[in-house]
Structure formats: structure tokens, C-alpha cells
Amino acid sequence: MYIFRQSNYSRTAAVNYAVTYALKPNPAYRYFPLINDTSGDCANFVSQCLRAGGAPMNFTSRSPWWYRANSNNNVKDDTWSISWAVAHSLYWTLKINEQSRLQGPKGREVSSIGELELGDLMFFEDNNGKIFHSAIVTGFSNKVPLISHHSFEALNIPYTRTWGAKKIHFLKITI
């Protein structure tokens, strides 16, 4: 039996945001293109989904997770924390927030896709143990999670049909 604590995370709002902007990125945020199999927009997109679901930004030095739009409405002048835009950093920020009960979005790792709900996250690890990609669960087909992500733009695809990974981490999200 699993007991889940209450959360103000709106899975519906996070998923609705993901579905709206999965294939056409939100112009209100900086977009990070994929360059030679590096960088990309996946963590930035997932962070936007978390924010849409009610996750508060955290500007503290202990566990920063934030995005700051520049007042001149030019997204190229915006600033952000590493954990907002880098999959490896976002993964560890969510886990540390959960383990230390810190402010902001939290991720509790689970071992089974059967424990995932809409709005939970997946992180993809390479052969060197580095998290290189992130995605949000936006649907299910025969109990198999469907994900949406950037770094190639995808909407409701089976999680097994995205980037190849040595390991996939499943995170239950709360705030």
C-alpha cells in the first residue's frame, strides 16, 4: 500500500500546458535548440510544465530553480537557473528537494511505471550515468505512459519510442 502526501501540484494544469506547447514551444520562454546531440530544450520545457502545475520558483542558493523574464520582452535576455534548463541538474534538484523537504518542486523516484500518473516525469540516463533528457507523462495507452517533450518536439508518444537510454528514472512529482 502506498500513501501519498497531499500536494498542490495541479497535474491537469501541467499536462494541459505540455499538450499546448509540446509541438510548438511557448514564445514567452527562451528556446534551446538541439545542437549536435547536445543541449536542447527538454528540461526547459519540463520546468515550464512544472511551473504551470503550480511549482513555485526558488531563488535561494541552496536549491535554486527559477526562470526570470527580462522586462524588455526579449526572451534572448532572460535568465534562468541551471536546474531549470539542464536535465541532469533538474533531476537532482527534484530528488534533493524531496529528500531534504526543501521548497519547490519535488521528485520521489519510483521503480515501476505503474506508479506514475499524469504530470509525473521521466529522466533518461546514458551509458556514462548522466541524465541527458527529460519528459512529462501526458497520457497512457494500455497502461503504458505516453510522454511529451522537446529536443525533438513530441506529443503523447510511448516512452519507449524516444531517445535510447541505458536507464530511465521515474519521478513522482509533488510541490
Protein backbone atom coordinates (compact mmCIF):
# COMPACT_ATOMS: atom_id res chain seq x y z
CA MET A 1 0.00 0.00 0.00
CA TYR A 2 1.30 3.44 -0.92
CA ILE A 3 0.46 6.59 0.99
CA PHE A 4 0.97 9.76 -0.98
CA ARG A 5 1.14 13.10 0.75
CA GLN A 6 -1.10 15.90 -0.36
CA SER A 7 0.31 18.21 -2.98
CA ASN A 8 -0.74 21.49 -4.51
CA TYR A 9 0.68 20.27 -7.82
CA SER A 10 -2.01 20.56 -10.49
CA ARG A 11 -1.33 17.59 -12.72
CA THR A 12 -4.12 18.74 -15.01
CA ALA A 13 -2.60 22.20 -15.47
CA ALA A 14 0.90 20.76 -16.05
CA VAL A 15 -0.39 18.29 -18.65
CA ASN A 16 -2.58 20.89 -20.36
CA TYR A 17 0.46 23.14 -20.67
CA ALA A 18 2.55 20.28 -22.06
CA VAL A 19 -0.09 19.36 -24.63
CA THR A 20 -0.44 23.01 -25.68
CA TYR A 21 3.29 23.63 -26.13
CA ALA A 22 4.80 20.22 -26.93
CA LEU A 23 4.83 20.71 -30.69
CA LYS A 24 5.03 24.49 -30.79
CA PRO A 25 7.16 25.98 -27.99
CA ASN A 26 5.79 28.84 -25.90
CA PRO A 27 7.27 32.07 -27.33
CA ALA A 28 7.24 33.63 -23.83
CA TYR A 29 10.26 31.43 -22.92
CA ARG A 30 13.70 31.11 -24.41
CA TYR A 31 14.02 28.04 -26.62
CA PHE A 32 17.23 25.98 -26.55
CA PRO A 33 17.76 24.17 -29.87
CA LEU A 34 19.42 20.80 -30.12
CA ILE A 35 22.97 21.30 -31.40
CA ASN A 36 24.99 18.23 -32.46
CA ASP A 37 23.22 15.92 -29.98
CA THR A 38 23.94 18.32 -27.12
CA SER A 39 21.94 20.92 -25.26
CA GLY A 40 18.28 21.06 -26.22
CA ASP A 41 15.06 22.31 -24.69
CA CYS A 42 13.78 19.26 -22.78
CA ALA A 43 14.43 20.42 -19.19
CA ASN A 44 13.32 23.97 -20.00
CA PHE A 45 10.04 22.57 -21.34
CA VAL A 46 9.55 20.23 -18.35
CA SER A 47 10.29 23.12 -15.96
CA GLN A 48 7.66 25.22 -17.73
CA CYS A 49 5.18 22.35 -17.23
CA LEU A 50 6.04 22.13 -13.52
CA ARG A 51 5.58 25.89 -13.20
CA ALA A 52 2.22 25.69 -14.98
CA GLY A 53 1.26 22.99 -12.48
CA GLY A 54 1.88 25.38 -9.61
CA ALA A 55 5.50 24.72 -8.66
CA PRO A 56 6.91 27.85 -7.03
CA MET A 57 10.20 29.21 -8.29
CA ASN A 58 13.04 29.06 -5.79
CA PHE A 59 15.67 31.78 -5.94
CA THR A 60 17.66 30.58 -2.90
CA SER A 61 21.24 29.42 -3.25
CA ARG A 62 20.55 26.05 -1.58
CA SER A 63 18.19 24.68 -4.20
CA PRO A 64 17.64 27.20 -6.98
CA TRP A 65 15.03 26.56 -9.64
CA TRP A 66 13.83 29.62 -11.49
CA TYR A 67 13.30 31.47 -14.75
CA ARG A 68 13.31 35.26 -14.94
CA ALA A 69 11.84 37.02 -17.96
CA ASN A 70 13.60 40.23 -18.88
CA SER A 71 11.41 43.30 -18.72
CA ASN A 72 12.10 44.25 -22.35
CA ASN A 73 10.07 41.25 -23.64
CA ASN A 74 13.07 39.80 -25.48
CA VAL A 75 13.48 36.15 -24.38
CA LYS A 76 17.11 36.23 -25.52
CA ASP A 77 17.78 38.49 -22.50
CA ASP A 78 16.02 36.18 -20.00
CA THR A 79 17.96 34.40 -17.25
CA TRP A 80 17.43 31.03 -15.54
CA SER A 81 18.99 28.62 -13.08
CA ILE A 82 20.97 25.63 -14.32
CA SER A 83 18.36 23.34 -12.76
CA TRP A 84 15.62 24.99 -14.83
CA ALA A 85 17.29 24.25 -18.16
CA VAL A 86 19.61 21.22 -17.76
CA ALA A 87 18.07 17.75 -17.41
CA HIS A 88 20.80 16.35 -15.14
CA SER A 89 20.51 19.33 -12.77
CA LEU A 90 16.70 19.29 -12.81
CA TYR A 91 16.67 15.60 -11.90
CA TRP A 92 18.98 16.09 -8.92
CA THR A 93 17.21 19.26 -7.78
CA LEU A 94 13.87 17.44 -7.69
CA LYS A 95 15.36 14.48 -5.80
CA ILE A 96 17.25 16.65 -3.30
CA ASN A 97 14.16 18.80 -2.71
CA GLU A 98 12.22 15.63 -1.93
CA GLN A 99 14.84 14.06 0.31
CA SER A 100 15.55 17.27 2.23
CA ARG A 101 11.95 18.53 2.16
CA LEU A 102 13.07 21.80 0.60
CA GLN A 103 10.89 24.43 -1.05
CA GLY A 104 9.90 23.97 -4.67
CA PRO A 105 9.02 21.02 -6.87
CA LYS A 106 9.96 17.61 -5.53
CA GLY A 107 10.51 14.25 -7.20
CA ARG A 108 10.32 10.89 -5.47
CA GLU A 109 11.87 8.15 -7.55
CA VAL A 110 9.74 5.05 -8.06
CA SER A 111 10.74 1.79 -9.71
CA SER A 112 7.60 1.00 -11.67
CA ILE A 113 5.77 2.78 -14.48
CA GLY A 114 2.61 1.52 -12.79
CA GLU A 115 3.10 4.13 -10.06
CA LEU A 116 3.20 7.05 -12.49
CA GLU A 117 0.35 9.47 -13.01
CA LEU A 118 -0.27 12.25 -15.47
CA GLY A 119 2.19 15.06 -14.79
CA ASP A 120 4.95 12.84 -13.42
CA LEU A 121 8.37 12.92 -15.07
CA MET A 122 10.85 10.60 -16.75
CA PHE A 123 14.59 11.18 -16.93
CA PHE A 124 16.81 9.32 -19.37
CA GLU A 125 20.34 8.26 -18.39
CA ASP A 126 23.20 7.49 -20.78
CA ASN A 127 25.92 4.84 -20.56
CA ASN A 128 28.10 7.20 -18.52
CA GLY A 129 25.47 7.66 -15.78
CA LYS A 130 24.49 11.17 -16.88
CA ILE A 131 20.88 12.27 -17.18
CA PHE A 132 20.62 13.68 -20.71
CA HIS A 133 16.88 14.00 -21.36
CA SER A 134 13.60 14.67 -19.55
CA ALA A 135 9.92 14.28 -20.41
CA ILE A 136 6.50 14.64 -18.81
CA VAL A 137 3.80 11.95 -18.72
CA THR A 138 0.83 13.32 -20.66
CA GLY A 139 -1.23 10.20 -21.33
CA PHE A 140 -1.50 6.44 -21.12
CA SER A 141 -2.19 3.74 -23.68
CA ASN A 142 -2.93 0.29 -22.27
CA LYS A 143 -1.26 1.41 -19.00
CA VAL A 144 1.91 2.42 -20.87
CA PRO A 145 2.90 6.05 -20.22
CA LEU A 146 2.84 8.43 -23.14
CA ILE A 147 5.25 11.33 -22.88
CA SER A 148 5.64 14.78 -24.34
CA HIS A 149 8.95 16.63 -24.62
CA HIS A 150 11.23 18.93 -26.56
CA SER A 151 14.66 18.30 -28.13
CA PHE A 152 12.73 16.81 -30.65
CA GLU A 153 9.20 18.04 -30.19
CA ALA A 154 6.89 15.15 -29.33
CA LEU A 155 3.32 14.85 -28.10
CA ASN A 156 1.92 11.71 -26.43
CA ILE A 157 4.46 9.20 -27.73
CA PRO A 158 5.25 5.91 -25.93
CA TYR A 159 8.18 6.49 -23.59
CA THR A 160 9.98 3.57 -25.25
CA ARG A 161 9.98 5.40 -28.60
CA THR A 162 12.08 8.41 -27.70
CA TRP A 163 15.82 8.74 -27.07
CA GLY A 164 17.58 5.47 -26.32
CA ALA A 165 18.77 5.24 -22.73
CA LYS A 166 20.67 2.84 -20.51
CA LYS A 167 18.23 3.60 -17.68
CA ILE A 168 15.03 5.59 -17.27
CA HIS A 169 14.22 7.22 -13.93
CA PHE A 170 10.56 7.67 -12.96
CA LEU A 171 9.76 10.60 -10.64
CA LYS A 172 6.51 11.21 -8.80
CA ILE A 173 6.05 14.97 -8.53
CA THR A 174 4.79 17.00 -5.58
CA ILE A 175 5.27 20.61 -4.54
